[in-house]
């Protein structure tokens, strides 16, 4: 059974990739039961169905009242609340407040995904990629990742970028990889910011021109998340810039002296 991460309200589950492109996505990403009150439950501008019931079920779960939470999530899920559908699926999967029923959990997970819950879409992608509870299929994984990524799910953007970079289930495409890494980096993911910095540091023909100043910017943003690899890269580039400036100034002074 996949591992589950249980954040408190308003916490954020993050996956930081190693600061080394050849070792991207070396750690499997965990599923988690979404309890954050900020999780999206309806399309923008429309009230979520059974929202109060879902919030009450969240409170029950947080207090350890699993039976009540299971009943509450189930009732709200049947009314179309996508957060409830996802959480109901996770409780069915884990056997919390009920007997574990993995196949029924998959039905509700799929309903949440079809209801445009991006984390449910990402979770399905992760399950297909690892072949857990469903037959392993990188093609299916990438289809679900793309749906979630298009909806702004950062971990899905990272997963899709990495699969394009390595050619897992899709044709290898450094340009598409850079596009998805860039979207995750712009959203504030430190691992993606490192990767974007690496693209700019080296340049990639047909994708992005070498631009050391942009590389410094992205490494600095990643370093601000506490990544030591990004900090080392930033220091190295700054030192190179200082040395290059000193050499240029020395050449210019020598030229001026000869001209006198």
Protein backbone atom coordinates (compact mmCIF):
# COMPACT_ATOMS: atom_id res chain seq x y z
CA UNK A 1 0.00 0.00 0.00
CA UNK A 2 1.35 3.46 -0.82
CA UNK A 3 2.47 5.62 2.06
CA UNK A 4 0.22 8.46 3.13
CA UNK A 5 1.18 11.88 4.39
CA UNK A 6 -1.16 13.57 6.83
CA UNK A 7 -0.52 17.34 6.98
CA UNK A 8 -2.17 19.65 9.43
CA UNK A 9 -4.38 22.46 8.20
CA UNK A 10 -2.68 24.96 5.88
CA UNK A 11 0.46 22.86 5.58
CA UNK A 12 1.92 22.10 2.17
CA UNK A 13 3.25 18.75 0.99
CA UNK A 14 6.43 19.37 -1.02
CA UNK A 15 8.71 17.09 -2.94
CA UNK A 16 12.23 18.43 -3.53
CA UNK A 17 14.18 16.67 -6.24
CA UNK A 18 17.92 16.10 -5.74
CA UNK A 19 20.13 18.92 -6.96
CA UNK A 20 21.49 16.75 -9.77
CA UNK A 21 19.79 16.28 -13.12
CA UNK A 22 20.92 12.66 -13.77
CA UNK A 23 19.31 11.60 -10.49
CA UNK A 24 15.94 13.27 -10.92
CA UNK A 25 12.98 11.84 -9.09
CA UNK A 26 14.92 9.23 -7.17
CA UNK A 27 12.41 9.12 -4.33
CA UNK A 28 8.81 7.92 -4.78
CA UNK A 29 6.27 10.58 -3.94
CA UNK A 30 3.80 9.82 -1.18
CA UNK A 31 0.05 10.13 -1.33
CA UNK A 32 -1.60 12.16 1.36
CA UNK A 33 -5.01 12.69 2.91
CA UNK A 34 -5.92 16.29 2.17
CA UNK A 35 -7.10 18.00 5.33
CA UNK A 36 -6.14 21.59 4.50
CA UNK A 37 -9.05 23.98 4.59
CA UNK A 38 -7.52 25.81 1.64
CA UNK A 39 -7.83 22.81 -0.70
CA UNK A 40 -9.94 23.55 -3.76
CA UNK A 41 -13.39 21.93 -3.61
CA UNK A 42 -15.27 23.63 -6.44
CA UNK A 43 -14.74 25.47 -9.67
CA UNK A 44 -13.95 29.20 -9.21
CA UNK A 45 -17.05 31.27 -8.65
CA UNK A 46 -19.22 28.33 -7.62
CA UNK A 47 -19.88 27.17 -4.06
CA UNK A 48 -18.67 23.65 -3.37
CA UNK A 49 -21.42 21.07 -2.84
CA UNK A 50 -21.72 19.83 0.73
CA UNK A 51 -18.92 22.14 1.81
CA UNK A 52 -20.06 22.45 5.44
CA UNK A 53 -20.42 18.69 5.70
CA UNK A 54 -16.92 18.21 4.29
CA UNK A 55 -15.42 20.69 6.75
CA UNK A 56 -17.19 18.90 9.63
CA UNK A 57 -15.74 15.60 8.43
CA UNK A 58 -12.27 17.18 8.33
CA UNK A 59 -12.72 18.29 11.94
CA UNK A 60 -13.85 14.78 12.92
CA UNK A 61 -10.84 13.23 11.22
CA UNK A 62 -8.47 15.69 12.87
CA UNK A 63 -9.96 14.80 16.26
CA UNK A 64 -9.53 11.08 15.63
CA UNK A 65 -13.25 10.41 15.17
CA UNK A 66 -12.68 8.23 12.12
CA UNK A 67 -16.13 6.62 12.07
CA UNK A 68 -17.83 10.01 11.94
CA UNK A 69 -15.31 11.34 9.44
CA UNK A 70 -15.83 8.35 7.17
CA UNK A 71 -19.59 8.79 7.24
CA UNK A 72 -19.31 12.53 6.67
CA UNK A 73 -16.88 12.25 3.77
CA UNK A 74 -19.01 9.52 2.21
CA UNK A 75 -22.19 11.59 2.36
CA UNK A 76 -20.47 14.69 0.97
CA UNK A 77 -18.71 12.63 -1.70
CA UNK A 78 -22.02 11.29 -2.98
CA UNK A 79 -23.22 14.89 -3.29
CA UNK A 80 -20.26 15.69 -5.56
CA UNK A 81 -17.75 17.37 -3.23
CA UNK A 82 -14.38 16.53 -4.74
CA UNK A 83 -12.33 17.02 -1.59
CA UNK A 84 -14.70 14.65 0.20
CA UNK A 85 -14.42 12.20 -2.69
CA UNK A 86 -10.64 12.19 -2.39
CA UNK A 87 -10.60 11.88 1.40
CA UNK A 88 -13.28 9.18 1.29
CA UNK A 89 -11.08 7.27 -1.14
CA UNK A 90 -8.05 7.60 1.14
CA UNK A 91 -10.00 6.36 4.18
CA UNK A 92 -11.27 3.40 2.15
CA UNK A 93 -7.72 2.70 1.06
CA UNK A 94 -6.29 2.86 4.57
CA UNK A 95 -9.20 1.16 6.29
CA UNK A 96 -9.88 4.10 8.61
CA UNK A 97 -13.42 4.08 9.99
CA UNK A 98 -14.14 1.06 7.80
CA UNK A 99 -12.65 -2.14 6.42
CA UNK A 100 -10.03 -1.41 3.76
CA UNK A 101 -11.58 -1.63 0.29
CA UNK A 102 -8.89 -0.68 -2.26
CA UNK A 103 -11.00 -1.20 -5.39
CA UNK A 104 -13.81 0.97 -4.06
CA UNK A 105 -11.17 3.54 -3.08
CA UNK A 106 -10.01 3.65 -6.69
CA UNK A 107 -13.57 4.33 -7.87
CA UNK A 108 -13.82 7.39 -5.62
CA UNK A 109 -10.31 8.53 -6.43
CA UNK A 110 -11.21 8.46 -10.12
CA UNK A 111 -14.41 10.42 -9.41
CA UNK A 112 -12.41 13.12 -7.63
CA UNK A 113 -9.97 13.21 -10.55
CA UNK A 114 -12.78 13.46 -13.10
CA UNK A 115 -14.23 16.20 -10.88
CA UNK A 116 -11.06 18.22 -11.67
CA UNK A 117 -9.32 17.78 -8.33
CA UNK A 118 -5.71 18.13 -9.39
CA UNK A 119 -4.25 16.21 -6.46
CA UNK A 120 -6.47 13.24 -7.25
CA UNK A 121 -5.24 13.42 -10.86
CA UNK A 122 -1.64 13.54 -9.68
CA UNK A 123 -2.24 10.63 -7.30
CA UNK A 124 -3.62 8.48 -10.10
CA UNK A 125 -0.58 9.34 -12.18
CA UNK A 126 1.71 8.32 -9.35
CA UNK A 127 -0.14 5.03 -8.88
CA UNK A 128 0.11 4.22 -12.58
CA UNK A 129 3.79 5.11 -12.67
CA UNK A 130 4.58 2.83 -9.74
CA UNK A 131 2.07 0.11 -10.63
CA UNK A 132 0.38 0.16 -7.23
CA UNK A 133 -3.32 -0.75 -7.09
CA UNK A 134 -3.45 -0.39 -10.88
CA UNK A 135 -1.42 -1.98 -13.71
CA UNK A 136 1.81 -0.10 -14.29
CA UNK A 137 1.48 2.24 -17.27
CA UNK A 138 3.79 5.17 -17.87
CA UNK A 139 1.53 6.38 -20.66
CA UNK A 140 -1.47 6.53 -18.31
CA UNK A 141 0.70 8.11 -15.63
CA UNK A 142 1.75 10.92 -17.93
CA UNK A 143 -1.81 11.54 -19.09
CA UNK A 144 -2.93 12.06 -15.50
CA UNK A 145 0.15 14.11 -14.68
CA UNK A 146 -0.58 16.40 -17.60
CA UNK A 147 -4.18 16.96 -16.51
CA UNK A 148 -2.99 17.84 -13.01
CA UNK A 149 -0.08 19.93 -14.31
CA UNK A 150 -2.35 21.94 -16.57
CA UNK A 151 -4.43 22.69 -13.47
CA UNK A 152 -1.38 24.06 -11.65
CA UNK A 153 -0.36 21.06 -9.52
CA UNK A 154 3.35 21.63 -8.90
CA UNK A 155 4.34 18.04 -8.12
CA UNK A 156 2.61 16.92 -11.32
CA UNK A 157 4.51 19.58 -13.26
CA UNK A 158 7.75 18.27 -11.80
CA UNK A 159 6.85 14.65 -12.54
CA UNK A 160 5.89 15.47 -16.11
CA UNK A 161 9.01 17.56 -16.63
CA UNK A 162 11.19 14.74 -15.34
CA UNK A 163 9.50 12.13 -17.53
CA UNK A 164 10.03 14.31 -20.60
CA UNK A 165 13.64 14.86 -19.54
CA UNK A 166 14.34 11.15 -19.13
CA UNK A 167 11.93 9.83 -21.78
CA UNK A 168 9.77 7.80 -19.37
CA UNK A 169 6.54 6.91 -21.14
CA UNK A 170 6.95 9.80 -23.59
CA UNK A 171 9.45 10.74 -26.27
CA UNK A 172 12.43 12.50 -24.70
CA UNK A 173 11.90 16.24 -25.15
CA UNK A 174 14.15 18.72 -23.32
CA UNK A 175 12.00 21.61 -24.51
CA UNK A 176 8.79 20.26 -22.96
CA UNK A 177 10.75 19.29 -19.85
CA UNK A 178 11.99 22.87 -19.56
CA UNK A 179 8.45 24.21 -20.02
CA UNK A 180 7.08 22.17 -17.13
CA UNK A 181 10.09 22.77 -14.90
CA UNK A 182 9.71 26.50 -15.58
CA UNK A 183 6.07 26.45 -14.54
CA UNK A 184 6.93 24.64 -11.31
CA UNK A 185 9.85 27.02 -10.71
CA UNK A 186 7.63 30.06 -11.22
CA UNK A 187 5.21 28.55 -8.70
CA UNK A 188 8.08 28.51 -6.17
CA UNK A 189 9.38 24.93 -6.22
CA UNK A 190 13.02 24.99 -5.11
CA UNK A 191 14.02 21.84 -6.99
CA UNK A 192 12.54 23.16 -10.22
CA UNK A 193 14.32 26.48 -9.70
CA UNK A 194 17.64 24.64 -9.49
CA UNK A 195 16.90 22.76 -12.71
CA UNK A 196 15.90 25.93 -14.56
CA UNK A 197 19.13 27.54 -13.36
CA UNK A 198 21.05 24.55 -14.71
CA UNK A 199 19.37 24.93 -18.10
CA UNK A 200 20.42 28.58 -18.26
CA UNK A 201 23.93 27.85 -17.01
CA UNK A 202 24.66 25.35 -19.78
CA UNK A 203 22.19 26.39 -22.46
CA UNK A 204 20.23 23.86 -24.46
CA UNK A 205 20.21 24.09 -28.28
CA UNK A 206 16.73 24.83 -29.58
CA UNK A 207 15.37 25.29 -26.07
CA UNK A 208 17.13 28.11 -24.22
CA UNK A 209 20.24 30.20 -24.79
CA UNK A 210 23.04 30.15 -22.26
CA UNK A 211 22.43 33.03 -19.85
CA UNK A 212 24.60 33.14 -16.73
CA UNK A 213 22.70 36.07 -15.24
CA UNK A 214 19.42 34.14 -15.46
CA UNK A 215 21.19 31.10 -14.02
CA UNK A 216 22.27 33.18 -11.02
CA UNK A 217 18.71 34.41 -10.48
CA UNK A 218 17.23 30.91 -10.45
CA UNK A 219 20.01 29.43 -8.33
CA UNK A 220 19.48 32.25 -5.84
CA UNK A 221 15.76 31.52 -5.66
CA UNK A 222 16.45 27.84 -5.09
CA UNK A 223 19.14 28.63 -2.50
CA UNK A 224 16.57 30.69 -0.61
CA UNK A 225 14.74 27.38 0.02
CA UNK A 226 17.87 26.09 1.75
CA UNK A 227 19.26 23.92 -1.06
CA UNK A 228 23.05 23.66 -0.53
CA UNK A 229 23.67 22.62 -4.15
CA UNK A 230 22.04 25.80 -5.44
CA UNK A 231 24.03 27.92 -3.01
CA UNK A 232 27.28 26.29 -4.16
CA UNK A 233 26.36 26.88 -7.81
CA UNK A 234 25.51 30.52 -7.11
CA UNK A 235 28.80 31.13 -5.30
CA UNK A 236 30.74 29.48 -8.11
CA UNK A 237 29.10 31.63 -10.79
CA UNK A 238 29.60 34.81 -8.76
CA UNK A 239 33.27 33.99 -8.24
CA UNK A 240 33.68 33.34 -11.98
CA UNK A 241 32.08 36.69 -12.74
CA UNK A 242 34.44 38.48 -10.37
CA UNK A 243 37.48 36.74 -11.91
CA UNK A 244 36.29 37.51 -15.44
CA UNK A 245 35.75 41.14 -14.52
CA UNK A 246 39.24 41.37 -13.02
CA UNK A 247 40.81 39.87 -16.14
CA UNK A 248 38.89 42.25 -18.40
CA UNK A 249 39.88 45.25 -16.31
CA UNK A 250 43.54 44.12 -16.40
CA UNK A 251 43.46 43.79 -20.19
CA UNK A 252 41.88 47.21 -20.55
CA UNK A 253 44.46 48.82 -18.29
CA UNK A 254 47.25 47.20 -20.26
CA UNK A 255 45.79 48.46 -23.51
CA UNK A 256 45.46 51.98 -22.08
CA UNK A 257 49.12 51.91 -20.90
CA UNK A 258 50.35 50.92 -24.36
CA UNK A 259 48.30 53.65 -25.98
CA UNK A 260 49.94 56.34 -23.81
